[in-house]
Amino acid sequence: MRYLVRYNSDDSKWLVIDSLSAGQAVGCHDQKPKALTQAKSEERQWHRYGSVDRAFHAASRMARGPRRLPNRSAGCR
């Protein structure tokens, strides 16, 4: 799952965390059921619109051009 629910004992809050964006918190709740509901909702939206996200990243890679590999044959024998 992309979205995780973790308890923050410092604030006594339940956090919804996006594991694919460096652990960014996308929600904060007093009760665990509310955090789980948001995490499930975020996961459904990601699956629904995920292909758009993948297409965007593929297009941005294409716009940067092909990756250039170093010429390893020059120093190898």
PDB file of N, CA and C in Angstrom:
ATOM      1  N   MET A   1       0.832  -1.188   0.000  1.00  0.00           N
ATOM      2  CA  MET A   1       0.000   0.000   0.000  1.00  0.00           C
ATOM      3  C   MET A   1       0.875   1.249   0.000  1.00  0.00           C
ATOM      4  N   ARG A   2       0.399   2.243  -0.704  1.00  0.00           N
ATOM      5  CA  ARG A   2       1.137   3.493  -0.763  1.00  0.00           C
ATOM      6  C   ARG A   2       0.898   4.331   0.491  1.00  0.00           C
ATOM      7  N   TYR A   3      -0.320   4.338   1.007  1.00  0.00           N
ATOM      8  CA  TYR A   3      -0.670   5.173   2.151  1.00  0.00           C
ATOM      9  C   TYR A   3      -0.702   4.345   3.421  1.00  0.00           C
ATOM     10  N   LEU A   4       0.045   4.786   4.425  1.00  0.00           N
ATOM     11  CA  LEU A   4       0.177   4.081   5.687  1.00  0.00           C
ATOM     12  C   LEU A   4      -0.402   4.919   6.817  1.00  0.00           C
ATOM     13  N   VAL A   5      -0.807   4.245   7.895  1.00  0.00           N
ATOM     14  CA  VAL A   5      -1.303   4.932   9.082  1.00  0.00           C
ATOM     15  C   VAL A   5      -0.324   4.648  10.210  1.00  0.00           C
ATOM     16  N   ARG A   6       0.176   5.700  10.825  1.00  0.00           N
ATOM     17  CA  ARG A   6       1.135   5.584  11.928  1.00  0.00           C
ATOM     18  C   ARG A   6       0.660   6.454  13.097  1.00  0.00           C
ATOM     19  N   TYR A   7       0.964   6.000  14.301  1.00  0.00           N
ATOM     20  CA  TYR A   7       0.619   6.777  15.491  1.00  0.00           C
ATOM     21  C   TYR A   7       1.806   7.631  15.897  1.00  0.00           C
ATOM     22  N   ASN A   8       1.573   8.920  16.095  1.00  0.00           N
ATOM     23  CA  ASN A   8       2.599   9.844  16.550  1.00  0.00           C
ATOM     24  C   ASN A   8       2.380  10.069  18.044  1.00  0.00           C
ATOM     25  N   SER A   9       3.208   9.459  18.865  1.00  0.00           N
ATOM     26  CA  SER A   9       3.025   9.542  20.317  1.00  0.00           C
ATOM     27  C   SER A   9       3.332  10.936  20.869  1.00  0.00           C
ATOM     28  N   ASP A  10       4.131  11.725  20.170  1.00  0.00           N
ATOM     29  CA  ASP A  10       4.430  13.081  20.643  1.00  0.00           C
ATOM     30  C   ASP A  10       3.182  13.956  20.649  1.00  0.00           C
ATOM     31  N   ASP A  11       2.355  13.826  19.601  1.00  0.00           N
ATOM     32  CA  ASP A  11       1.150  14.649  19.464  1.00  0.00           C
ATOM     33  C   ASP A  11      -0.128  13.889  19.788  1.00  0.00           C
ATOM     34  N   SER A  12      -0.009  12.588  20.045  1.00  0.00           N
ATOM     35  CA  SER A  12      -1.178  11.724  20.274  1.00  0.00           C
ATOM     36  C   SER A  12      -2.146  11.803  19.097  1.00  0.00           C
ATOM     37  N   LYS A  13      -1.595  11.723  17.896  1.00  0.00           N
ATOM     38  CA  LYS A  13      -2.387  11.799  16.664  1.00  0.00           C
ATOM     39  C   LYS A  13      -2.062  10.622  15.765  1.00  0.00           C
ATOM     40  N   TRP A  14      -3.018  10.271  14.918  1.00  0.00           N
ATOM     41  CA  TRP A  14      -2.829   9.243  13.887  1.00  0.00           C
ATOM     42  C   TRP A  14      -2.523   9.953  12.582  1.00  0.00           C
ATOM     43  N   LEU A  15      -1.405   9.602  11.957  1.00  0.00           N
ATOM     44  CA  LEU A  15      -0.973  10.247  10.719  1.00  0.00           C
ATOM     45  C   LEU A  15      -1.198   9.316   9.535  1.00  0.00           C
ATOM     46  N   VAL A  16      -1.644   9.893   8.431  1.00  0.00           N
ATOM     47  CA  VAL A  16      -1.727   9.183   7.155  1.00  0.00           C
ATOM     48  C   VAL A  16      -0.494   9.615   6.377  1.00  0.00           C
ATOM     49  N   ILE A  17       0.328   8.636   6.001  1.00  0.00           N
ATOM     50  CA  ILE A  17       1.622   8.922   5.389  1.00  0.00           C
ATOM     51  C   ILE A  17       1.677   8.372   3.973  1.00  0.00           C
ATOM     52  N   ASP A  18       2.171   9.201   3.052  1.00  0.00           N
ATOM     53  CA  ASP A  18       2.383   8.796   1.661  1.00  0.00           C
ATOM     54  C   ASP A  18       3.792   8.215   1.563  1.00  0.00           C
ATOM     55  N   SER A  19       3.886   6.909   1.418  1.00  0.00           N
ATOM     56  CA  SER A  19       5.193   6.248   1.422  1.00  0.00           C
ATOM     57  C   SER A  19       6.004   6.499   0.158  1.00  0.00           C
ATOM     58  N   LEU A  20       5.363   6.948  -0.918  1.00  0.00           N
ATOM     59  CA  LEU A  20       6.094   7.197  -2.157  1.00  0.00           C
ATOM     60  C   LEU A  20       6.624   8.616  -2.278  1.00  0.00           C
ATOM     61  N   SER A  21       6.260   9.471  -1.352  1.00  0.00           N
ATOM     62  CA  SER A  21       6.786  10.840  -1.422  1.00  0.00           C
ATOM     63  C   SER A  21       7.567  11.158  -0.148  1.00  0.00           C
ATOM     64  N   ALA A  22       8.565  10.343   0.106  1.00  0.00           N
ATOM     65  CA  ALA A  22       9.501  10.537   1.213  1.00  0.00           C
ATOM     66  C   ALA A  22       8.808  10.599   2.568  1.00  0.00           C
ATOM     67  N   GLY A  23       7.761   9.816   2.742  1.00  0.00           N
ATOM     68  CA  GLY A  23       7.095   9.736   4.037  1.00  0.00           C
ATOM     69  C   GLY A  23       6.339  10.988   4.442  1.00  0.00           C
ATOM     70  N   GLN A  24       5.844  11.729   3.470  1.00  0.00           N
ATOM     71  CA  GLN A  24       5.115  12.965   3.751  1.00  0.00           C
ATOM     72  C   GLN A  24       3.760  12.649   4.385  1.00  0.00           C
ATOM     73  N   ALA A  25       3.417  13.362   5.459  1.00  0.00           N
ATOM     74  CA  ALA A  25       2.116  13.198   6.094  1.00  0.00           C
ATOM     75  C   ALA A  25       1.066  13.941   5.278  1.00  0.00           C
ATOM     76  N   VAL A  26      -0.012  13.242   4.923  1.00  0.00           N
ATOM     77  CA  VAL A  26      -1.081  13.851   4.135  1.00  0.00           C
ATOM     78  C   VAL A  26      -2.365  13.984   4.949  1.00  0.00           C
ATOM     79  N   GLY A  27      -2.336  13.533   6.202  1.00  0.00           N
ATOM     80  CA  GLY A  27      -3.511  13.641   7.053  1.00  0.00           C
ATOM     81  C   GLY A  27      -3.149  13.433   8.508  1.00  0.00           C
ATOM     82  N   CYS A  28      -3.953  14.033   9.397  1.00  0.00           N
ATOM     83  CA  CYS A  28      -3.720  13.944  10.836  1.00  0.00           C
ATOM     84  C   CYS A  28      -5.088  13.813  11.507  1.00  0.00           C
ATOM     85  N   HIS A  29      -5.255  12.773  12.341  1.00  0.00           N
ATOM     86  CA  HIS A  29      -6.558  12.492  12.935  1.00  0.00           C
ATOM     87  C   HIS A  29      -6.419  12.144  14.416  1.00  0.00           C
ATOM     88  N   ASP A  30      -7.482  12.411  15.158  1.00  0.00           N
ATOM     89  CA  ASP A  30      -7.521  12.057  16.575  1.00  0.00           C
ATOM     90  C   ASP A  30      -7.834  10.582  16.777  1.00  0.00           C
ATOM     91  N   GLN A  31      -8.558   9.984  15.823  1.00  0.00           N
ATOM     92  CA  GLN A  31      -9.003   8.605  15.963  1.00  0.00           C
ATOM     93  C   GLN A  31      -8.469   7.758  14.805  1.00  0.00           C
ATOM     94  N   LYS A  32      -8.106   6.516  15.127  1.00  0.00           N
ATOM     95  CA  LYS A  32      -7.546   5.617  14.126  1.00  0.00           C
ATOM     96  C   LYS A  32      -8.532   5.296  13.006  1.00  0.00           C
ATOM     97  N   PRO A  33      -9.840   5.042  13.288  1.00  0.00           N
ATOM     98  CA  PRO A  33     -10.763   4.736  12.184  1.00  0.00           C
ATOM     99  C   PRO A  33     -10.850   5.842  11.128  1.00  0.00           C
ATOM    100  N   LYS A  34     -10.766   7.090  11.558  1.00  0.00           N
ATOM    101  CA  LYS A  34     -10.800   8.200  10.602  1.00  0.00           C
ATOM    102  C   LYS A  34      -9.537   8.210   9.737  1.00  0.00           C
ATOM    103  N   ALA A  35      -8.396   7.905  10.336  1.00  0.00           N
ATOM    104  CA  ALA A  35      -7.145   7.849   9.584  1.00  0.00           C
ATOM    105  C   ALA A  35      -7.178   6.697   8.577  1.00  0.00           C
ATOM    106  N   LEU A  36      -7.711   5.553   8.997  1.00  0.00           N
ATOM    107  CA  LEU A  36      -7.815   4.415   8.088  1.00  0.00           C
ATOM    108  C   LEU A  36      -8.751   4.721   6.921  1.00  0.00           C
ATOM    109  N   THR A  37      -9.841   5.425   7.203  1.00  0.00           N
ATOM    110  CA  THR A  37     -10.775   5.807   6.137  1.00  0.00           C
ATOM    111  C   THR A  37     -10.090   6.700   5.122  1.00  0.00           C
ATOM    112  N   GLN A  38      -9.317   7.683   5.594  1.00  0.00           N
ATOM    113  CA  GLN A  38      -8.614   8.566   4.661  1.00  0.00           C
ATOM    114  C   GLN A  38      -7.568   7.793   3.864  1.00  0.00           C
ATOM    115  N   ALA A  39      -6.832   6.905   4.521  1.00  0.00           N
ATOM    116  CA  ALA A  39      -5.795   6.138   3.823  1.00  0.00           C
ATOM    117  C   ALA A  39      -6.413   5.282   2.723  1.00  0.00           C
ATOM    118  N   LYS A  40      -7.540   4.654   3.000  1.00  0.00           N
ATOM    119  CA  LYS A  40      -8.220   3.840   1.990  1.00  0.00           C
ATOM    120  C   LYS A  40      -8.710   4.699   0.836  1.00  0.00           C
ATOM    121  N   SER A  41      -9.245   5.875   1.159  1.00  0.00           N
ATOM    122  CA  SER A  41      -9.725   6.787   0.129  1.00  0.00           C
ATOM    123  C   SER A  41      -8.579   7.281  -0.756  1.00  0.00           C
ATOM    124  N   GLU A  42      -7.464   7.646  -0.137  1.00  0.00           N
ATOM    125  CA  GLU A  42      -6.291   8.094  -0.894  1.00  0.00           C
ATOM    126  C   GLU A  42      -5.776   6.967  -1.799  1.00  0.00           C
ATOM    127  N   GLU A  43      -5.780   5.747  -1.276  1.00  0.00           N
ATOM    128  CA  GLU A  43      -5.312   4.597  -2.057  1.00  0.00           C
ATOM    129  C   GLU A  43      -6.203   4.363  -3.269  1.00  0.00           C
ATOM    130  N   ARG A  44      -7.522   4.466  -3.074  1.00  0.00           N
ATOM    131  CA  ARG A  44      -8.454   4.295  -4.197  1.00  0.00           C
ATOM    132  C   ARG A  44      -8.225   5.360  -5.259  1.00  0.00           C
ATOM    133  N   GLN A  45      -8.049   6.604  -4.830  1.00  0.00           N
ATOM    134  CA  GLN A  45      -7.809   7.679  -5.795  1.00  0.00           C
ATOM    135  C   GLN A  45      -6.496   7.454  -6.541  1.00  0.00           C
ATOM    136  N   TRP A  46      -5.484   6.988  -5.849  1.00  0.00           N
ATOM    137  CA  TRP A  46      -4.195   6.752  -6.496  1.00  0.00           C
ATOM    138  C   TRP A  46      -4.328   5.658  -7.557  1.00  0.00           C
ATOM    139  N   HIS A  47      -5.057   4.591  -7.230  1.00  0.00           N
ATOM    140  CA  HIS A  47      -5.251   3.527  -8.217  1.00  0.00           C
ATOM    141  C   HIS A  47      -6.093   4.007  -9.392  1.00  0.00           C
ATOM    142  N   ARG A  48      -7.055   4.863  -9.103  1.00  0.00           N
ATOM    143  CA  ARG A  48      -7.936   5.361 -10.163  1.00  0.00           C
ATOM    144  C   ARG A  48      -7.185   6.281 -11.118  1.00  0.00           C
ATOM    145  N   TYR A  49      -6.378   7.177 -10.561  1.00  0.00           N
ATOM    146  CA  TYR A  49      -5.682   8.168 -11.385  1.00  0.00           C
ATOM    147  C   TYR A  49      -4.202   7.874 -11.540  1.00  0.00           C
ATOM    148  N   GLY A  50      -3.760   6.714 -11.077  1.00  0.00           N
ATOM    149  CA  GLY A  50      -2.338   6.374 -11.123  1.00  0.00           C
ATOM    150  C   GLY A  50      -1.780   6.315 -12.523  1.00  0.00           C
ATOM    151  N   SER A  51      -2.594   5.872 -13.495  1.00  0.00           N
ATOM    152  CA  SER A  51      -2.087   5.771 -14.856  1.00  0.00           C
ATOM    153  C   SER A  51      -1.731   7.144 -15.408  1.00  0.00           C
ATOM    154  N   VAL A  52      -2.442   8.174 -14.990  1.00  0.00           N
ATOM    155  CA  VAL A  52      -2.122   9.544 -15.410  1.00  0.00           C
ATOM    156  C   VAL A  52      -0.766   9.925 -14.855  1.00  0.00           C
ATOM    157  N   ASP A  53      -0.528   9.593 -13.586  1.00  0.00           N
ATOM    158  CA  ASP A  53       0.748   9.898 -12.947  1.00  0.00           C
ATOM    159  C   ASP A  53       1.880   9.173 -13.654  1.00  0.00           C
ATOM    160  N   ARG A  54       1.683   7.894 -13.974  1.00  0.00           N
ATOM    161  CA  ARG A  54       2.723   7.133 -14.665  1.00  0.00           C
ATOM    162  C   ARG A  54       2.978   7.701 -16.061  1.00  0.00           C
ATOM    163  N   ALA A  55       1.919   8.119 -16.750  1.00  0.00           N
ATOM    164  CA  ALA A  55       2.079   8.694 -18.088  1.00  0.00           C
ATOM    165  C   ALA A  55       2.846  10.017 -18.012  1.00  0.00           C
ATOM    166  N   PHE A  56       2.576  10.813 -16.976  1.00  0.00           N
ATOM    167  CA  PHE A  56       3.277  12.079 -16.800  1.00  0.00           C
ATOM    168  C   PHE A  56       4.772  11.837 -16.596  1.00  0.00           C
ATOM    169  N   HIS A  57       5.128  10.883 -15.728  1.00  0.00           N
ATOM    170  CA  HIS A  57       6.530  10.604 -15.472  1.00  0.00           C
ATOM    171  C   HIS A  57       7.218  10.041 -16.712  1.00  0.00           C
ATOM    172  N   ALA A  58       6.514   9.204 -17.461  1.00  0.00           N
ATOM    173  CA  ALA A  58       7.094   8.671 -18.693  1.00  0.00           C
ATOM    174  C   ALA A  58       7.339   9.798 -19.695  1.00  0.00           C
ATOM    175  N   ALA A  59       6.392  10.726 -19.812  1.00  0.00           N
ATOM    176  CA  ALA A  59       6.551  11.857 -20.738  1.00  0.00           C
ATOM    177  C   ALA A  59       7.697  12.757 -20.297  1.00  0.00           C
ATOM    178  N   SER A  60       7.851  12.970 -18.993  1.00  0.00           N
ATOM    179  CA  SER A  60       8.940  13.826 -18.530  1.00  0.00           C
ATOM    180  C   SER A  60      10.295  13.165 -18.784  1.00  0.00           C
ATOM    181  N   ARG A  61      10.357  11.829 -18.658  1.00  0.00           N
ATOM    182  CA  ARG A  61      11.609  11.128 -18.981  1.00  0.00           C
ATOM    183  C   ARG A  61      11.921  11.254 -20.464  1.00  0.00           C
ATOM    184  N   MET A  62      10.897  11.152 -21.304  1.00  0.00           N
ATOM    185  CA  MET A  62      11.115  11.275 -22.749  1.00  0.00           C
ATOM    186  C   MET A  62      11.560  12.684 -23.106  1.00  0.00           C
ATOM    187  N   ALA A  63      11.029  13.684 -22.425  1.00  0.00           N
ATOM    188  CA  ALA A  63      11.382  15.073 -22.716  1.00  0.00           C
ATOM    189  C   ALA A  63      12.848  15.358 -22.373  1.00  0.00           C
ATOM    190  N   ARG A  64      13.377  14.652 -21.374  1.00  0.00           N
ATOM    191  CA  ARG A  64      14.780  14.854 -20.999  1.00  0.00           C
ATOM    192  C   ARG A  64      15.730  14.199 -21.979  1.00  0.00           C
ATOM    193  N   GLY A  65      15.202  13.328 -22.811  1.00  0.00           N
ATOM    194  CA  GLY A  65      16.038  12.669 -23.811  1.00  0.00           C
ATOM    195  C   GLY A  65      16.604  11.365 -23.302  1.00  0.00           C
ATOM    196  N   PRO A  66      17.264  10.634 -24.187  1.00  0.00           N
ATOM    197  CA  PRO A  66      17.821   9.343 -23.786  1.00  0.00           C
ATOM    198  C   PRO A  66      18.965   9.518 -22.806  1.00  0.00           C
ATOM    199  N   ARG A  67      19.119   8.539 -21.940  1.00  0.00           N
ATOM    200  CA  ARG A  67      20.225   8.578 -20.991  1.00  0.00           C
ATOM    201  C   ARG A  67      21.520   8.267 -21.725  1.00  0.00           C
ATOM    202  N   ARG A  68      22.509   9.012 -21.424  1.00  0.00           N
ATOM    203  CA  ARG A  68      23.803   8.801 -22.056  1.00  0.00           C
ATOM    204  C   ARG A  68      24.672   7.956 -21.132  1.00  0.00           C
ATOM    205  N   LEU A  69      25.142   6.855 -21.652  1.00  0.00           N
ATOM    206  CA  LEU A  69      26.026   5.995 -20.888  1.00  0.00           C
ATOM    207  C   LEU A  69      27.463   6.369 -21.162  1.00  0.00           C
ATOM    208  N   PRO A  70      28.312   6.265 -20.175  1.00  0.00           N
ATOM    209  CA  PRO A  70      29.722   6.603 -20.420  1.00  0.00           C
ATOM    210  C   PRO A  70      30.337   5.620 -21.418  1.00  0.00           C
ATOM    211  N   ASN A  71      31.272   6.110 -22.181  1.00  0.00           N
ATOM    212  CA  ASN A  71      31.962   5.281 -23.171  1.00  0.00           C
ATOM    213  C   ASN A  71      32.993   4.425 -22.426  1.00  0.00           C
ATOM    214  N   ARG A  72      32.605   3.191 -22.120  1.00  0.00           N
ATOM    215  CA  ARG A  72      33.472   2.319 -21.344  1.00  0.00           C
ATOM    216  C   ARG A  72      34.492   1.603 -22.218  1.00  0.00           C
ATOM    217  N   SER A  73      34.290   1.606 -23.498  1.00  0.00           N
ATOM    218  CA  SER A  73      35.223   0.868 -24.357  1.00  0.00           C
ATOM    219  C   SER A  73      36.565   1.598 -24.503  1.00  0.00           C
ATOM    220  N   ALA A  74      36.625   2.869 -24.165  1.00  0.00           N
ATOM    221  CA  ALA A  74      37.847   3.630 -24.348  1.00  0.00           C
ATOM    222  C   ALA A  74      38.974   3.128 -23.442  1.00  0.00           C
ATOM    223  N   GLY A  75      38.644   2.783 -22.187  1.00  0.00           N
ATOM    224  CA  GLY A  75      39.688   2.387 -21.262  1.00  0.00           C
ATOM    225  C   GLY A  75      39.756   0.885 -21.042  1.00  0.00           C
ATOM    226  N   CYS A  76      38.864   0.116 -21.617  1.00  0.00           N
ATOM    227  CA  CYS A  76      38.831  -1.346 -21.393  1.00  0.00           C
ATOM    228  C   CYS A  76      39.634  -2.067 -22.457  1.00  0.00           C
ATOM    229  N   ARG A  77      40.265  -3.137 -22.064  1.00  0.00           N
ATOM    230  CA  ARG A  77      41.015  -3.948 -23.034  1.00  0.00           C
ATOM    231  C   ARG A  77      40.604  -5.375 -22.911  1.00  0.00           C
TER     232      ARG A  77
END
